[in-house]
Amino acid sequence: MKTDDYFMAEALKEAEKSLTEGGIPIGAVLVRNGEIISRGHNRLIQNDSVVLHAEMDAIENAGRLNYEDYIECTLYTTLSPCPMCSGAVI
């Protein structure tokens, strides 16, 4: 069984991707039933975006999920979500 430490390490890898791209080093992974279903990293600078925080990127990359799918998900992120991302998660 994969642990919280494993998923946080994967989120850190996403943060490293953002840093390598010249962005802000924040990453996230979306996990459902013990498996990563989506990854994302902060793309504010890379895409000249005001909304592409790591959490939003991971949610977008997951594609359309239904309510029941989201209930079974855990979002691991390397920084506490801002109000916008917290609202999206809720």
N, C-alpha and C. Protein backbone atom coordinates (compact mmCIF):
# COMPACT_ATOMS: atom_id res chain seq x y z
N MET A 1 0.84 -1.19 0.00
CA MET A 1 0.00 0.00 0.00
C MET A 1 0.89 1.25 0.00
N LYS A 2 0.56 2.18 -0.86
CA LYS A 2 1.31 3.43 -0.92
C LYS A 2 0.89 4.31 0.25
N THR A 3 1.82 5.10 0.73
CA THR A 3 1.57 5.92 1.91
C THR A 3 1.46 7.39 1.56
N ASP A 4 1.05 8.17 2.55
CA ASP A 4 0.99 9.62 2.37
C ASP A 4 2.36 10.16 1.98
N ASP A 5 3.42 9.62 2.56
CA ASP A 5 4.78 10.06 2.22
C ASP A 5 5.08 9.86 0.74
N TYR A 6 4.63 8.73 0.20
CA TYR A 6 4.83 8.44 -1.23
C TYR A 6 4.13 9.50 -2.08
N PHE A 7 2.87 9.79 -1.77
CA PHE A 7 2.12 10.75 -2.57
C PHE A 7 2.67 12.17 -2.43
N MET A 8 3.13 12.52 -1.24
CA MET A 8 3.76 13.83 -1.07
C MET A 8 5.05 13.91 -1.88
N ALA A 9 5.81 12.82 -1.94
CA ALA A 9 7.03 12.81 -2.74
C ALA A 9 6.69 13.01 -4.22
N GLU A 10 5.58 12.45 -4.66
CA GLU A 10 5.15 12.64 -6.05
C GLU A 10 4.73 14.09 -6.29
N ALA A 11 4.06 14.69 -5.31
CA ALA A 11 3.70 16.11 -5.43
C ALA A 11 4.96 16.97 -5.49
N LEU A 12 5.98 16.61 -4.72
CA LEU A 12 7.25 17.34 -4.76
C LEU A 12 7.91 17.24 -6.13
N LYS A 13 7.77 16.09 -6.78
CA LYS A 13 8.30 15.94 -8.14
C LYS A 13 7.63 16.93 -9.08
N GLU A 14 6.34 17.12 -8.90
CA GLU A 14 5.62 18.09 -9.72
C GLU A 14 6.12 19.51 -9.44
N ALA A 15 6.39 19.80 -8.17
CA ALA A 15 6.94 21.12 -7.82
C ALA A 15 8.29 21.33 -8.50
N GLU A 16 9.10 20.30 -8.53
CA GLU A 16 10.40 20.38 -9.19
C GLU A 16 10.24 20.64 -10.69
N LYS A 17 9.21 20.05 -11.31
CA LYS A 17 8.94 20.30 -12.73
C LYS A 17 8.68 21.79 -12.95
N SER A 18 7.86 22.37 -12.10
CA SER A 18 7.55 23.79 -12.24
C SER A 18 8.81 24.63 -12.11
N LEU A 19 9.62 24.32 -11.13
CA LEU A 19 10.86 25.07 -10.93
C LEU A 19 11.78 24.94 -12.15
N THR A 20 11.89 23.74 -12.69
CA THR A 20 12.71 23.50 -13.88
C THR A 20 12.21 24.32 -15.07
N GLU A 21 10.89 24.52 -15.14
CA GLU A 21 10.29 25.30 -16.23
C GLU A 21 10.38 26.81 -15.98
N GLY A 22 10.96 27.20 -14.85
CA GLY A 22 11.06 28.62 -14.52
C GLY A 22 9.88 29.14 -13.73
N GLY A 23 9.07 28.23 -13.21
CA GLY A 23 7.88 28.62 -12.47
C GLY A 23 8.04 28.53 -10.97
N ILE A 24 6.94 28.72 -10.30
CA ILE A 24 6.88 28.67 -8.84
C ILE A 24 6.82 27.20 -8.43
N PRO A 25 7.69 26.74 -7.53
CA PRO A 25 7.78 25.31 -7.21
C PRO A 25 6.68 24.81 -6.27
N ILE A 26 5.51 24.60 -6.84
CA ILE A 26 4.39 24.02 -6.11
C ILE A 26 3.82 22.91 -6.97
N GLY A 27 3.56 21.76 -6.34
CA GLY A 27 3.03 20.61 -7.08
C GLY A 27 1.87 19.97 -6.35
N ALA A 28 1.12 19.15 -7.09
CA ALA A 28 -0.03 18.46 -6.51
C ALA A 28 -0.28 17.15 -7.26
N VAL A 29 -0.83 16.19 -6.54
CA VAL A 29 -1.32 14.96 -7.17
C VAL A 29 -2.70 14.66 -6.60
N LEU A 30 -3.56 14.15 -7.46
CA LEU A 30 -4.91 13.75 -7.06
C LEU A 30 -4.94 12.24 -7.01
N VAL A 31 -5.35 11.70 -5.87
CA VAL A 31 -5.30 10.26 -5.63
C VAL A 31 -6.70 9.72 -5.39
N ARG A 32 -7.01 8.62 -6.05
CA ARG A 32 -8.29 7.94 -5.86
C ARG A 32 -8.02 6.46 -5.64
N ASN A 33 -8.54 5.92 -4.57
CA ASN A 33 -8.37 4.50 -4.24
C ASN A 33 -6.90 4.07 -4.26
N GLY A 34 -6.04 4.93 -3.73
CA GLY A 34 -4.63 4.58 -3.59
C GLY A 34 -3.80 4.70 -4.86
N GLU A 35 -4.36 5.28 -5.91
CA GLU A 35 -3.64 5.45 -7.17
C GLU A 35 -3.69 6.91 -7.62
N ILE A 36 -2.60 7.39 -8.15
CA ILE A 36 -2.58 8.75 -8.68
C ILE A 36 -3.37 8.78 -9.99
N ILE A 37 -4.40 9.63 -10.02
CA ILE A 37 -5.19 9.75 -11.24
C ILE A 37 -4.86 11.02 -12.00
N SER A 38 -4.15 11.94 -11.35
CA SER A 38 -3.81 13.20 -12.01
C SER A 38 -2.66 13.88 -11.29
N ARG A 39 -1.92 14.65 -12.05
CA ARG A 39 -0.79 15.42 -11.53
C ARG A 39 -0.91 16.84 -12.03
N GLY A 40 -0.32 17.76 -11.29
CA GLY A 40 -0.30 19.14 -11.75
C GLY A 40 0.78 19.92 -11.03
N HIS A 41 1.18 21.01 -11.65
CA HIS A 41 2.12 21.91 -11.00
C HIS A 41 1.79 23.34 -11.39
N ASN A 42 2.29 24.24 -10.56
CA ASN A 42 2.02 25.65 -10.76
C ASN A 42 2.52 26.08 -12.13
N ARG A 43 1.65 26.74 -12.89
CA ARG A 43 1.99 27.20 -14.24
C ARG A 43 1.67 28.69 -14.42
N LEU A 44 1.65 29.43 -13.32
CA LEU A 44 1.32 30.86 -13.41
C LEU A 44 2.28 31.61 -14.33
N ILE A 45 3.55 31.40 -14.14
CA ILE A 45 4.56 32.11 -14.92
C ILE A 45 4.68 31.52 -16.33
N GLN A 46 4.73 30.20 -16.41
CA GLN A 46 4.93 29.55 -17.70
C GLN A 46 3.82 29.88 -18.69
N ASN A 47 2.57 29.95 -18.21
CA ASN A 47 1.42 30.17 -19.09
C ASN A 47 0.86 31.59 -18.96
N ASP A 48 1.54 32.45 -18.21
CA ASP A 48 1.05 33.80 -17.95
C ASP A 48 -0.42 33.74 -17.52
N SER A 49 -0.67 32.88 -16.53
CA SER A 49 -2.03 32.60 -16.06
C SER A 49 -2.25 33.14 -14.66
N VAL A 50 -3.49 33.45 -14.35
CA VAL A 50 -3.82 33.86 -12.98
C VAL A 50 -4.49 32.74 -12.20
N VAL A 51 -4.80 31.61 -12.86
CA VAL A 51 -5.53 30.54 -12.18
C VAL A 51 -4.83 29.18 -12.18
N LEU A 52 -3.75 29.03 -12.89
CA LEU A 52 -3.14 27.70 -12.98
C LEU A 52 -2.22 27.40 -11.80
N HIS A 53 -2.82 27.36 -10.64
CA HIS A 53 -2.12 26.88 -9.46
C HIS A 53 -1.99 25.36 -9.58
N ALA A 54 -1.12 24.76 -8.81
CA ALA A 54 -0.88 23.31 -8.91
C ALA A 54 -2.17 22.51 -8.70
N GLU A 55 -2.96 22.93 -7.71
CA GLU A 55 -4.20 22.20 -7.42
C GLU A 55 -5.18 22.29 -8.59
N MET A 56 -5.31 23.48 -9.15
CA MET A 56 -6.21 23.67 -10.29
C MET A 56 -5.72 22.88 -11.50
N ASP A 57 -4.42 22.83 -11.69
CA ASP A 57 -3.84 22.08 -12.79
C ASP A 57 -4.13 20.58 -12.63
N ALA A 58 -3.96 20.07 -11.42
CA ALA A 58 -4.23 18.65 -11.17
C ALA A 58 -5.71 18.32 -11.38
N ILE A 59 -6.59 19.19 -10.90
CA ILE A 59 -8.03 18.96 -11.09
C ILE A 59 -8.38 19.00 -12.57
N GLU A 60 -7.84 19.98 -13.29
CA GLU A 60 -8.09 20.07 -14.74
C GLU A 60 -7.57 18.84 -15.47
N ASN A 61 -6.38 18.40 -15.10
CA ASN A 61 -5.77 17.25 -15.77
C ASN A 61 -6.50 15.93 -15.49
N ALA A 62 -7.31 15.91 -14.44
CA ALA A 62 -8.08 14.70 -14.13
C ALA A 62 -9.23 14.50 -15.11
N GLY A 63 -9.60 15.56 -15.81
CA GLY A 63 -10.74 15.45 -16.72
C GLY A 63 -12.04 15.52 -15.94
N ARG A 64 -13.12 15.22 -16.61
CA ARG A 64 -14.43 15.28 -15.96
C ARG A 64 -14.62 14.07 -15.06
N LEU A 65 -14.82 14.34 -13.79
CA LEU A 65 -15.14 13.30 -12.82
C LEU A 65 -16.51 13.62 -12.25
N ASN A 66 -17.20 12.59 -11.79
CA ASN A 66 -18.49 12.87 -11.15
C ASN A 66 -18.31 13.02 -9.65
N TYR A 67 -19.35 13.43 -9.00
CA TYR A 67 -19.32 13.71 -7.56
C TYR A 67 -18.79 12.52 -6.77
N GLU A 68 -19.27 11.33 -7.10
CA GLU A 68 -18.86 10.12 -6.37
C GLU A 68 -17.35 9.88 -6.51
N ASP A 69 -16.80 10.18 -7.68
CA ASP A 69 -15.36 10.02 -7.87
C ASP A 69 -14.58 10.97 -6.96
N TYR A 70 -15.01 12.23 -6.91
CA TYR A 70 -14.31 13.21 -6.08
C TYR A 70 -14.38 12.87 -4.60
N ILE A 71 -15.48 12.29 -4.16
CA ILE A 71 -15.62 11.90 -2.75
C ILE A 71 -14.51 10.92 -2.36
N GLU A 72 -14.07 10.10 -3.30
CA GLU A 72 -13.05 9.08 -3.03
C GLU A 72 -11.63 9.60 -3.24
N CYS A 73 -11.48 10.88 -3.57
CA CYS A 73 -10.16 11.44 -3.88
C CYS A 73 -9.53 12.16 -2.69
N THR A 74 -8.22 12.18 -2.71
CA THR A 74 -7.42 12.99 -1.80
C THR A 74 -6.46 13.80 -2.66
N LEU A 75 -6.36 15.08 -2.38
CA LEU A 75 -5.44 15.95 -3.10
C LEU A 75 -4.22 16.21 -2.22
N TYR A 76 -3.07 15.83 -2.70
CA TYR A 76 -1.81 16.09 -2.01
C TYR A 76 -1.16 17.28 -2.69
N THR A 77 -0.81 18.28 -1.91
CA THR A 77 -0.21 19.48 -2.46
C THR A 77 0.94 19.94 -1.56
N THR A 78 1.91 20.58 -2.17
CA THR A 78 3.11 20.96 -1.43
C THR A 78 2.98 22.28 -0.70
N LEU A 79 1.84 22.94 -0.84
CA LEU A 79 1.58 24.19 -0.12
C LEU A 79 0.10 24.24 0.20
N SER A 80 -0.24 24.79 1.33
CA SER A 80 -1.67 24.91 1.69
C SER A 80 -2.40 25.66 0.59
N PRO A 81 -3.54 25.13 0.14
CA PRO A 81 -4.26 25.78 -0.96
C PRO A 81 -4.75 27.18 -0.60
N CYS A 82 -4.75 28.04 -1.60
CA CYS A 82 -5.28 29.39 -1.46
C CYS A 82 -6.81 29.31 -1.42
N PRO A 83 -7.49 30.42 -1.17
CA PRO A 83 -8.98 30.40 -1.14
C PRO A 83 -9.59 29.90 -2.46
N MET A 84 -9.03 30.29 -3.60
CA MET A 84 -9.57 29.83 -4.88
C MET A 84 -9.47 28.31 -5.00
N CYS A 85 -8.30 27.77 -4.71
CA CYS A 85 -8.09 26.32 -4.83
C CYS A 85 -8.90 25.57 -3.78
N SER A 86 -8.99 26.14 -2.57
CA SER A 86 -9.81 25.51 -1.52
C SER A 86 -11.26 25.41 -1.96
N GLY A 87 -11.76 26.48 -2.58
CA GLY A 87 -13.13 26.45 -3.10
C GLY A 87 -13.32 25.41 -4.17
N ALA A 88 -12.35 25.27 -5.05
CA ALA A 88 -12.44 24.25 -6.11
C ALA A 88 -12.43 22.85 -5.51
N VAL A 89 -11.62 22.66 -4.49
CA VAL A 89 -11.53 21.34 -3.86
C VAL A 89 -12.84 20.98 -3.16
N ILE A 90 -13.42 21.97 -2.49
CA ILE A 90 -14.69 21.73 -1.79
C ILE A 90 -15.78 21.46 -2.81
